[in-house]
Amino acid sequence: MQSENRLFDDLAKVLNGAAGTIAGLGREAEASARERAREWIGGLDFVSRDEFEAVKAMAAAARDENDALRARIEALETAIAGAGGAAAKPAAKRGKGAAA
């Protein structure tokens, strides 16, 4: 009876060790897959979050500046149109290749 109990104890220890080993292999496989994915994504020239946020802020600032300049141009055009019709249109600029 005692040897039967010991057999079950040994079997339980072996199964417990196998379960721990399998769990360790699973964690190792997951870590390896994550590392491979990181390397693969790193080779695709993705930008970091910090770089993305910096460019996003620059684009927003440029958009705001563009809106301000558009409003300024419209105000100047309105002022010119109010000053007189003949002076409203500036003369066309001639490039290097244009005849005089």
PDB file of N, CA and C in Angstrom:
ATOM      1  N   MET A   1       0.818  -1.178   0.000  1.00  0.00           N
ATOM      2  CA  MET A   1       0.000   0.000   0.000  1.00  0.00           C
ATOM      3  C   MET A   1       0.869   1.251   0.000  1.00  0.00           C
ATOM      4  N   GLN A   2       1.939   1.199   0.788  1.00  0.00           N
ATOM      5  CA  GLN A   2       2.829   2.346   0.886  1.00  0.00           C
ATOM      6  C   GLN A   2       3.534   2.604  -0.437  1.00  0.00           C
ATOM      7  N   SER A   3       3.935   1.558  -1.166  1.00  0.00           N
ATOM      8  CA  SER A   3       4.629   1.727  -2.442  1.00  0.00           C
ATOM      9  C   SER A   3       3.685   2.297  -3.492  1.00  0.00           C
ATOM     10  N   GLU A   4       2.398   1.969  -3.417  1.00  0.00           N
ATOM     11  CA  GLU A   4       1.408   2.514  -4.344  1.00  0.00           C
ATOM     12  C   GLU A   4       1.284   4.022  -4.149  1.00  0.00           C
ATOM     13  N   ASN A   5       1.268   4.440  -2.893  1.00  0.00           N
ATOM     14  CA  ASN A   5       1.189   5.859  -2.568  1.00  0.00           C
ATOM     15  C   ASN A   5       2.424   6.601  -3.088  1.00  0.00           C
ATOM     16  N   ARG A   6       3.570   5.951  -2.917  1.00  0.00           N
ATOM     17  CA  ARG A   6       4.820   6.550  -3.367  1.00  0.00           C
ATOM     18  C   ARG A   6       4.832   6.664  -4.888  1.00  0.00           C
ATOM     19  N   LEU A   7       4.286   5.695  -5.574  1.00  0.00           N
ATOM     20  CA  LEU A   7       4.210   5.722  -7.035  1.00  0.00           C
ATOM     21  C   LEU A   7       3.365   6.911  -7.496  1.00  0.00           C
ATOM     22  N   PHE A   8       2.232   7.127  -6.837  1.00  0.00           N
ATOM     23  CA  PHE A   8       1.375   8.261  -7.198  1.00  0.00           C
ATOM     24  C   PHE A   8       2.071   9.591  -6.902  1.00  0.00           C
ATOM     25  N   ASP A   9       2.812   9.644  -5.801  1.00  0.00           N
ATOM     26  CA  ASP A   9       3.555  10.860  -5.465  1.00  0.00           C
ATOM     27  C   ASP A   9       4.613  11.161  -6.525  1.00  0.00           C
ATOM     28  N   ASP A  10       5.340  10.126  -6.938  1.00  0.00           N
ATOM     29  CA  ASP A  10       6.357  10.316  -7.972  1.00  0.00           C
ATOM     30  C   ASP A  10       5.729  10.729  -9.301  1.00  0.00           C
ATOM     31  N   LEU A  11       4.625  10.104  -9.641  1.00  0.00           N
ATOM     32  CA  LEU A  11       3.926  10.448 -10.881  1.00  0.00           C
ATOM     33  C   LEU A  11       3.429  11.899 -10.828  1.00  0.00           C
ATOM     34  N   ALA A  12       2.921  12.310  -9.693  1.00  0.00           N
ATOM     35  CA  ALA A  12       2.453  13.691  -9.538  1.00  0.00           C
ATOM     36  C   ALA A  12       3.616  14.671  -9.676  1.00  0.00           C
ATOM     37  N   LYS A  13       4.781  14.331  -9.116  1.00  0.00           N
ATOM     38  CA  LYS A  13       5.950  15.195  -9.237  1.00  0.00           C
ATOM     39  C   LYS A  13       6.400  15.307 -10.690  1.00  0.00           C
ATOM     40  N   VAL A  14       6.405  14.187 -11.409  1.00  0.00           N
ATOM     41  CA  VAL A  14       6.812  14.197 -12.819  1.00  0.00           C
ATOM     42  C   VAL A  14       5.847  15.046 -13.642  1.00  0.00           C
ATOM     43  N   LEU A  15       4.551  14.853 -13.430  1.00  0.00           N
ATOM     44  CA  LEU A  15       3.558  15.627 -14.182  1.00  0.00           C
ATOM     45  C   LEU A  15       3.640  17.114 -13.837  1.00  0.00           C
ATOM     46  N   ASN A  16       3.878  17.417 -12.571  1.00  0.00           N
ATOM     47  CA  ASN A  16       4.015  18.809 -12.152  1.00  0.00           C
ATOM     48  C   ASN A  16       5.238  19.451 -12.815  1.00  0.00           C
ATOM     49  N   GLY A  17       6.333  18.725 -12.862  1.00  0.00           N
ATOM     50  CA  GLY A  17       7.545  19.223 -13.526  1.00  0.00           C
ATOM     51  C   GLY A  17       7.324  19.418 -15.016  1.00  0.00           C
ATOM     52  N   ALA A  18       6.613  18.484 -15.639  1.00  0.00           N
ATOM     53  CA  ALA A  18       6.329  18.601 -17.073  1.00  0.00           C
ATOM     54  C   ALA A  18       5.445  19.815 -17.351  1.00  0.00           C
ATOM     55  N   ALA A  19       4.467  20.046 -16.490  1.00  0.00           N
ATOM     56  CA  ALA A  19       3.586  21.204 -16.671  1.00  0.00           C
ATOM     57  C   ALA A  19       4.389  22.501 -16.549  1.00  0.00           C
ATOM     58  N   GLY A  20       5.302  22.556 -15.599  1.00  0.00           N
ATOM     59  CA  GLY A  20       6.151  23.740 -15.445  1.00  0.00           C
ATOM     60  C   GLY A  20       7.041  23.956 -16.654  1.00  0.00           C
ATOM     61  N   THR A  21       7.577  22.860 -17.183  1.00  0.00           N
ATOM     62  CA  THR A  21       8.434  22.950 -18.365  1.00  0.00           C
ATOM     63  C   THR A  21       7.647  23.442 -19.572  1.00  0.00           C
ATOM     64  N   ILE A  22       6.452  22.908 -19.757  1.00  0.00           N
ATOM     65  CA  ILE A  22       5.607  23.324 -20.885  1.00  0.00           C
ATOM     66  C   ILE A  22       5.230  24.797 -20.752  1.00  0.00           C
ATOM     67  N   ALA A  23       4.909  25.238 -19.538  1.00  0.00           N
ATOM     68  CA  ALA A  23       4.583  26.650 -19.321  1.00  0.00           C
ATOM     69  C   ALA A  23       5.793  27.532 -19.626  1.00  0.00           C
ATOM     70  N   GLY A  24       6.970  27.085 -19.228  1.00  0.00           N
ATOM     71  CA  GLY A  24       8.196  27.836 -19.517  1.00  0.00           C
ATOM     72  C   GLY A  24       8.458  27.927 -21.007  1.00  0.00           C
ATOM     73  N   LEU A  25       8.229  26.823 -21.718  1.00  0.00           N
ATOM     74  CA  LEU A  25       8.394  26.838 -23.174  1.00  0.00           C
ATOM     75  C   LEU A  25       7.414  27.808 -23.827  1.00  0.00           C
ATOM     76  N   GLY A  26       6.201  27.836 -23.308  1.00  0.00           N
ATOM     77  CA  GLY A  26       5.199  28.762 -23.848  1.00  0.00           C
ATOM     78  C   GLY A  26       5.622  30.209 -23.668  1.00  0.00           C
ATOM     79  N   ARG A  27       6.125  30.536 -22.475  1.00  0.00           N
ATOM     80  CA  ARG A  27       6.591  31.907 -22.219  1.00  0.00           C
ATOM     81  C   ARG A  27       7.782  32.251 -23.111  1.00  0.00           C
ATOM     82  N   GLU A  28       8.683  31.293 -23.283  1.00  0.00           N
ATOM     83  CA  GLU A  28       9.851  31.523 -24.126  1.00  0.00           C
ATOM     84  C   GLU A  28       9.453  31.710 -25.586  1.00  0.00           C
ATOM     85  N   ALA A  29       8.499  30.919 -26.061  1.00  0.00           N
ATOM     86  CA  ALA A  29       8.026  31.062 -27.439  1.00  0.00           C
ATOM     87  C   ALA A  29       7.349  32.418 -27.641  1.00  0.00           C
ATOM     88  N   GLU A  30       6.579  32.852 -26.656  1.00  0.00           N
ATOM     89  CA  GLU A  30       5.909  34.158 -26.750  1.00  0.00           C
ATOM     90  C   GLU A  30       6.938  35.287 -26.794  1.00  0.00           C
ATOM     91  N   ALA A  31       7.957  35.206 -25.942  1.00  0.00           N
ATOM     92  CA  ALA A  31       8.994  36.240 -25.921  1.00  0.00           C
ATOM     93  C   ALA A  31       9.753  36.264 -27.244  1.00  0.00           C
ATOM     94  N   SER A  32      10.028  35.091 -27.784  1.00  0.00           N
ATOM     95  CA  SER A  32      10.725  35.010 -29.063  1.00  0.00           C
ATOM     96  C   SER A  32       9.877  35.598 -30.188  1.00  0.00           C
ATOM     97  N   ALA A  33       8.587  35.293 -30.183  1.00  0.00           N
ATOM     98  CA  ALA A  33       7.692  35.836 -31.212  1.00  0.00           C
ATOM     99  C   ALA A  33       7.599  37.353 -31.102  1.00  0.00           C
ATOM    100  N   ARG A  34       7.536  37.872 -29.882  1.00  0.00           N
ATOM    101  CA  ARG A  34       7.494  39.333 -29.690  1.00  0.00           C
ATOM    102  C   ARG A  34       8.766  39.984 -30.230  1.00  0.00           C
ATOM    103  N   GLU A  35       9.904  39.372 -29.946  1.00  0.00           N
ATOM    104  CA  GLU A  35      11.177  39.926 -30.409  1.00  0.00           C
ATOM    105  C   GLU A  35      11.257  39.914 -31.936  1.00  0.00           C
ATOM    106  N   ARG A  36      10.826  38.824 -32.548  1.00  0.00           N
ATOM    107  CA  ARG A  36      10.815  38.764 -34.018  1.00  0.00           C
ATOM    108  C   ARG A  36       9.890  39.817 -34.607  1.00  0.00           C
ATOM    109  N   ALA A  37       8.729  39.997 -34.003  1.00  0.00           N
ATOM    110  CA  ALA A  37       7.783  41.010 -34.484  1.00  0.00           C
ATOM    111  C   ALA A  37       8.387  42.406 -34.343  1.00  0.00           C
ATOM    112  N   ARG A  38       9.073  42.664 -33.227  1.00  0.00           N
ATOM    113  CA  ARG A  38       9.724  43.965 -33.024  1.00  0.00           C
ATOM    114  C   ARG A  38      10.779  44.216 -34.099  1.00  0.00           C
ATOM    115  N   GLU A  39      11.576  43.197 -34.400  1.00  0.00           N
ATOM    116  CA  GLU A  39      12.609  43.330 -35.428  1.00  0.00           C
ATOM    117  C   GLU A  39      11.983  43.566 -36.798  1.00  0.00           C
ATOM    118  N   TRP A  40      10.913  42.841 -37.105  1.00  0.00           N
ATOM    119  CA  TRP A  40      10.247  42.976 -38.397  1.00  0.00           C
ATOM    120  C   TRP A  40       9.639  44.370 -38.541  1.00  0.00           C
ATOM    121  N   ILE A  41       8.956  44.833 -37.505  1.00  0.00           N
ATOM    122  CA  ILE A  41       8.338  46.157 -37.543  1.00  0.00           C
ATOM    123  C   ILE A  41       9.418  47.233 -37.586  1.00  0.00           C
ATOM    124  N   GLY A  42      10.519  47.020 -36.891  1.00  0.00           N
ATOM    125  CA  GLY A  42      11.616  47.986 -36.909  1.00  0.00           C
ATOM    126  C   GLY A  42      12.209  48.162 -38.289  1.00  0.00           C
ATOM    127  N   GLY A  43      12.166  47.137 -39.101  1.00  0.00           N
ATOM    128  CA  GLY A  43      12.690  47.215 -40.458  1.00  0.00           C
ATOM    129  C   GLY A  43      11.750  47.882 -41.438  1.00  0.00           C
ATOM    130  N   LEU A  44      10.540  48.199 -41.020  1.00  0.00           N
ATOM    131  CA  LEU A  44       9.556  48.799 -41.923  1.00  0.00           C
ATOM    132  C   LEU A  44       9.574  50.324 -41.895  1.00  0.00           C
ATOM    133  N   ASP A  45      10.518  50.924 -41.207  1.00  0.00           N
ATOM    134  CA  ASP A  45      10.652  52.382 -41.129  1.00  0.00           C
ATOM    135  C   ASP A  45       9.426  53.068 -40.561  1.00  0.00           C
ATOM    136  N   PHE A  46       8.836  52.504 -39.537  1.00  0.00           N
ATOM    137  CA  PHE A  46       7.765  53.193 -38.828  1.00  0.00           C
ATOM    138  C   PHE A  46       8.394  54.271 -37.950  1.00  0.00           C
ATOM    139  N   VAL A  47       7.665  55.335 -37.719  1.00  0.00           N
ATOM    140  CA  VAL A  47       8.173  56.394 -36.849  1.00  0.00           C
ATOM    141  C   VAL A  47       7.751  56.101 -35.416  1.00  0.00           C
ATOM    142  N   SER A  48       8.513  56.670 -34.495  1.00  0.00           N
ATOM    143  CA  SER A  48       8.154  56.494 -33.088  1.00  0.00           C
ATOM    144  C   SER A  48       6.994  57.420 -32.755  1.00  0.00           C
ATOM    145  N   ARG A  49       6.373  57.177 -31.639  1.00  0.00           N
ATOM    146  CA  ARG A  49       5.234  57.998 -31.206  1.00  0.00           C
ATOM    147  C   ARG A  49       5.670  59.446 -30.980  1.00  0.00           C
ATOM    148  N   ASP A  50       6.867  59.631 -30.411  1.00  0.00           N
ATOM    149  CA  ASP A  50       7.373  60.986 -30.161  1.00  0.00           C
ATOM    150  C   ASP A  50       7.563  61.755 -31.464  1.00  0.00           C
ATOM    151  N   GLU A  51       8.155  61.087 -32.469  1.00  0.00           N
ATOM    152  CA  GLU A  51       8.343  61.740 -33.767  1.00  0.00           C
ATOM    153  C   GLU A  51       7.002  62.086 -34.402  1.00  0.00           C
ATOM    154  N   PHE A  52       6.051  61.179 -34.298  1.00  0.00           N
ATOM    155  CA  PHE A  52       4.723  61.422 -34.859  1.00  0.00           C
ATOM    156  C   PHE A  52       4.072  62.628 -34.203  1.00  0.00           C
ATOM    157  N   GLU A  53       4.133  62.701 -32.874  1.00  0.00           N
ATOM    158  CA  GLU A  53       3.527  63.821 -32.152  1.00  0.00           C
ATOM    159  C   GLU A  53       4.203  65.140 -32.513  1.00  0.00           C
ATOM    160  N   ALA A  54       5.535  65.126 -32.703  1.00  0.00           N
ATOM    161  CA  ALA A  54       6.254  66.349 -33.068  1.00  0.00           C
ATOM    162  C   ALA A  54       5.815  66.842 -34.444  1.00  0.00           C
ATOM    163  N   VAL A  55       5.717  65.944 -35.411  1.00  0.00           N
ATOM    164  CA  VAL A  55       5.296  66.334 -36.762  1.00  0.00           C
ATOM    165  C   VAL A  55       3.837  66.769 -36.760  1.00  0.00           C
ATOM    166  N   LYS A  56       3.024  66.125 -35.954  1.00  0.00           N
ATOM    167  CA  LYS A  56       1.614  66.510 -35.849  1.00  0.00           C
ATOM    168  C   LYS A  56       1.488  67.938 -35.318  1.00  0.00           C
ATOM    169  N   ALA A  57       2.293  68.275 -34.310  1.00  0.00           N
ATOM    170  CA  ALA A  57       2.274  69.633 -33.753  1.00  0.00           C
ATOM    171  C   ALA A  57       2.768  70.648 -34.779  1.00  0.00           C
ATOM    172  N   MET A  58       3.795  70.283 -35.550  1.00  0.00           N
ATOM    173  CA  MET A  58       4.295  71.180 -36.589  1.00  0.00           C
ATOM    174  C   MET A  58       3.238  71.415 -37.658  1.00  0.00           C
ATOM    175  N   ALA A  59       2.520  70.381 -38.045  1.00  0.00           N
ATOM    176  CA  ALA A  59       1.469  70.519 -39.055  1.00  0.00           C
ATOM    177  C   ALA A  59       0.335  71.398 -38.542  1.00  0.00           C
ATOM    178  N   ALA A  60      -0.028  71.250 -37.280  1.00  0.00           N
ATOM    179  CA  ALA A  60      -1.088  72.086 -36.705  1.00  0.00           C
ATOM    180  C   ALA A  60      -0.654  73.546 -36.669  1.00  0.00           C
ATOM    181  N   ALA A  61       0.606  73.802 -36.316  1.00  0.00           N
ATOM    182  CA  ALA A  61       1.115  75.176 -36.288  1.00  0.00           C
ATOM    183  C   ALA A  61       1.130  75.767 -37.693  1.00  0.00           C
ATOM    184  N   ALA A  62       1.538  74.978 -38.687  1.00  0.00           N
ATOM    185  CA  ALA A  62       1.549  75.454 -40.073  1.00  0.00           C
ATOM    186  C   ALA A  62       0.130  75.746 -40.552  1.00  0.00           C
ATOM    187  N   ARG A  63      -0.813  74.914 -40.158  1.00  0.00           N
ATOM    188  CA  ARG A  63      -2.212  75.131 -40.541  1.00  0.00           C
ATOM    189  C   ARG A  63      -2.741  76.427 -39.930  1.00  0.00           C
ATOM    190  N   ASP A  64      -2.416  76.670 -38.662  1.00  0.00           N
ATOM    191  CA  ASP A  64      -2.836  77.910 -37.998  1.00  0.00           C
ATOM    192  C   ASP A  64      -2.216  79.133 -38.675  1.00  0.00           C
ATOM    193  N   GLU A  65      -0.933  79.028 -39.006  1.00  0.00           N
ATOM    194  CA  GLU A  65      -0.257  80.133 -39.689  1.00  0.00           C
ATOM    195  C   GLU A  65      -0.872  80.380 -41.060  1.00  0.00           C
ATOM    196  N   ASN A  66      -1.210  79.313 -41.763  1.00  0.00           N
ATOM    197  CA  ASN A  66      -1.848  79.430 -43.074  1.00  0.00           C
ATOM    198  C   ASN A  66      -3.195  80.131 -42.954  1.00  0.00           C
ATOM    199  N   ASP A  67      -3.977  79.781 -41.947  1.00  0.00           N
ATOM    200  CA  ASP A  67      -5.274  80.437 -41.739  1.00  0.00           C
ATOM    201  C   ASP A  67      -5.094  81.924 -41.443  1.00  0.00           C
ATOM    202  N   ALA A  68      -4.089  82.262 -40.626  1.00  0.00           N
ATOM    203  CA  ALA A  68      -3.833  83.666 -40.298  1.00  0.00           C
ATOM    204  C   ALA A  68      -3.406  84.440 -41.540  1.00  0.00           C
ATOM    205  N   LEU A  69      -2.550  83.848 -42.356  1.00  0.00           N
ATOM    206  CA  LEU A  69      -2.117  84.509 -43.590  1.00  0.00           C
ATOM    207  C   LEU A  69      -3.267  84.671 -44.570  1.00  0.00           C
ATOM    208  N   ARG A  70      -4.136  83.669 -44.646  1.00  0.00           N
ATOM    209  CA  ARG A  70      -5.302  83.765 -45.530  1.00  0.00           C
ATOM    210  C   ARG A  70      -6.193  84.936 -45.101  1.00  0.00           C
ATOM    211  N   ALA A  71      -6.416  85.074 -43.797  1.00  0.00           N
ATOM    212  CA  ALA A  71      -7.231  86.185 -43.294  1.00  0.00           C
ATOM    213  C   ALA A  71      -6.556  87.521 -43.587  1.00  0.00           C
ATOM    214  N   ARG A  72      -5.254  87.579 -43.455  1.00  0.00           N
ATOM    215  CA  ARG A  72      -4.516  88.819 -43.739  1.00  0.00           C
ATOM    216  C   ARG A  72      -4.620  89.185 -45.214  1.00  0.00           C
ATOM    217  N   ILE A  73      -4.480  88.209 -46.097  1.00  0.00           N
ATOM    218  CA  ILE A  73      -4.601  88.457 -47.539  1.00  0.00           C
ATOM    219  C   ILE A  73      -5.998  88.953 -47.877  1.00  0.00           C
ATOM    220  N   GLU A  74      -7.008  88.323 -47.298  1.00  0.00           N
ATOM    221  CA  GLU A  74      -8.383  88.755 -47.571  1.00  0.00           C
ATOM    222  C   GLU A  74      -8.608  90.184 -47.097  1.00  0.00           C
ATOM    223  N   ALA A  75      -8.039  90.549 -45.944  1.00  0.00           N
ATOM    224  CA  ALA A  75      -8.177  91.921 -45.440  1.00  0.00           C
ATOM    225  C   ALA A  75      -7.476  92.906 -46.369  1.00  0.00           C
ATOM    226  N   LEU A  76      -6.289  92.544 -46.845  1.00  0.00           N
ATOM    227  CA  LEU A  76      -5.565  93.418 -47.772  1.00  0.00           C
ATOM    228  C   LEU A  76      -6.307  93.560 -49.098  1.00  0.00           C
ATOM    229  N   GLU A  77      -6.854  92.459 -49.612  1.00  0.00           N
ATOM    230  CA  GLU A  77      -7.611  92.526 -50.864  1.00  0.00           C
ATOM    231  C   GLU A  77      -8.847  93.401 -50.701  1.00  0.00           C
ATOM    232  N   THR A  78      -9.495  93.308 -49.559  1.00  0.00           N
ATOM    233  CA  THR A  78     -10.670  94.143 -49.297  1.00  0.00           C
ATOM    234  C   THR A  78     -10.268  95.614 -49.233  1.00  0.00           C
ATOM    235  N   ALA A  79      -9.146  95.905 -48.585  1.00  0.00           N
ATOM    236  CA  ALA A  79      -8.669  97.284 -48.485  1.00  0.00           C
ATOM    237  C   ALA A  79      -8.301  97.833 -49.854  1.00  0.00           C
ATOM    238  N   ILE A  80      -7.662  97.026 -50.679  1.00  0.00           N
ATOM    239  CA  ILE A  80      -7.282  97.458 -52.026  1.00  0.00           C
ATOM    240  C   ILE A  80      -8.521  97.682 -52.876  1.00  0.00           C
ATOM    241  N   ALA A  81      -9.479  96.782 -52.780  1.00  0.00           N
ATOM    242  CA  ALA A  81     -10.711  96.916 -53.566  1.00  0.00           C
ATOM    243  C   ALA A  81     -11.476  98.166 -53.147  1.00  0.00           C
ATOM    244  N   GLY A  82     -11.432  98.526 -51.893  1.00  0.00           N
ATOM    245  CA  GLY A  82     -12.116  99.721 -51.408  1.00  0.00           C
ATOM    246  C   GLY A  82     -11.395 100.996 -51.815  1.00  0.00           C
ATOM    247  N   ALA A  83     -10.080 100.931 -52.045  1.00  0.00           N
ATOM    248  CA  ALA A  83      -9.291 102.114 -52.389  1.00  0.00           C
ATOM    249  C   ALA A  83      -9.509 102.545 -53.830  1.00  0.00           C
ATOM    250  N   GLY A  84      -9.766 101.629 -54.710  1.00  0.00           N
ATOM    251  CA  GLY A  84      -9.974 101.996 -56.113  1.00  0.00           C
ATOM    252  C   GLY A  84      -9.929 100.771 -56.990  1.00  0.00           C
ATOM    253  N   GLY A  85     -10.675 100.814 -58.083  1.00  0.00           N
ATOM    254  CA  GLY A  85     -10.771  99.649 -58.960  1.00  0.00           C
ATOM    255  C   GLY A  85      -9.533  99.422 -59.791  1.00  0.00           C
ATOM    256  N   ALA A  86      -8.900 100.485 -60.314  1.00  0.00           N
ATOM    257  CA  ALA A  86      -7.750 100.326 -61.200  1.00  0.00           C
ATOM    258  C   ALA A  86      -6.538  99.803 -60.441  1.00  0.00           C
ATOM    259  N   ALA A  87      -6.395 100.211 -59.226  1.00  0.00           N
ATOM    260  CA  ALA A  87      -5.243  99.785 -58.435  1.00  0.00           C
ATOM    261  C   ALA A  87      -5.480  98.434 -57.765  1.00  0.00           C
ATOM    262  N   ALA A  88      -6.653  97.871 -57.957  1.00  0.00           N
ATOM    263  CA  ALA A  88      -6.991  96.628 -57.281  1.00  0.00           C
ATOM    264  C   ALA A  88      -6.181  95.452 -57.793  1.00  0.00           C
ATOM    265  N   LYS A  89      -5.863  95.439 -59.109  1.00  0.00           N
ATOM    266  CA  LYS A  89      -5.125  94.308 -59.658  1.00  0.00           C
ATOM    267  C   LYS A  89      -3.667  94.697 -59.862  1.00  0.00           C
ATOM    268  N   PRO A  90      -2.751  94.029 -59.219  1.00  0.00           N
ATOM    269  CA  PRO A  90      -1.341  94.342 -59.436  1.00  0.00           C
ATOM    270  C   PRO A  90      -0.899  93.838 -60.805  1.00  0.00           C
ATOM    271  N   ALA A  91       0.136  94.440 -61.346  1.00  0.00           N
ATOM    272  CA  ALA A  91       0.665  94.030 -62.647  1.00  0.00           C
ATOM    273  C   ALA A  91       1.243  92.632 -62.526  1.00  0.00           C
ATOM    274  N   ALA A  92       1.109  91.865 -63.599  1.00  0.00           N
ATOM    275  CA  ALA A  92       1.628  90.502 -63.600  1.00  0.00           C
ATOM    276  C   ALA A  92       3.143  90.539 -63.585  1.00  0.00           C
ATOM    277  N   LYS A  93       3.743  89.688 -62.798  1.00  0.00           N
ATOM    278  CA  LYS A  93       5.197  89.626 -62.737  1.00  0.00           C
ATOM    279  C   LYS A  93       5.699  88.844 -63.935  1.00  0.00           C
ATOM    280  N   ARG A  94       6.797  89.301 -64.480  1.00  0.00           N
ATOM    281  CA  ARG A  94       7.384  88.616 -65.621  1.00  0.00           C
ATOM    282  C   ARG A  94       8.540  87.763 -65.142  1.00  0.00           C
ATOM    283  N   GLY A  95       8.623  86.579 -65.687  1.00  0.00           N
ATOM    284  CA  GLY A  95       9.713  85.678 -65.328  1.00  0.00           C
ATOM    285  C   GLY A  95      10.956  86.009 -66.121  1.00  0.00           C
ATOM    286  N   LYS A  96      12.007  85.227 -65.982  1.00  0.00           N
ATOM    287  CA  LYS A  96      13.264  85.459 -66.677  1.00  0.00           C
ATOM    288  C   LYS A  96      13.119  85.342 -68.187  1.00  0.00           C
ATOM    289  N   GLY A  97      12.288  84.415 -68.634  1.00  0.00           N
ATOM    290  CA  GLY A  97      12.171  84.161 -70.067  1.00  0.00           C
ATOM    291  C   GLY A  97      11.158  85.049 -70.761  1.00  0.00           C
ATOM    292  N   ALA A  98      10.439  85.921 -70.066  1.00  0.00           N
ATOM    293  CA  ALA A  98       9.387  86.737 -70.677  1.00  0.00           C
ATOM    294  C   ALA A  98       9.994  87.900 -71.446  1.00  0.00           C
ATOM    295  N   ALA A  99       9.385  88.227 -72.587  1.00  0.00           N
ATOM    296  CA  ALA A  99       9.856  89.350 -73.406  1.00  0.00           C
ATOM    297  C   ALA A  99       9.400  90.655 -72.791  1.00  0.00           C
ATOM    298  N   ALA A 100      10.231  91.698 -72.927  1.00  0.00           N
ATOM    299  CA  ALA A 100       9.897  92.995 -72.327  1.00  0.00           C
ATOM    300  C   ALA A 100       9.052  93.844 -73.224  1.00  0.00           C
TER     301      ALA A 100
END
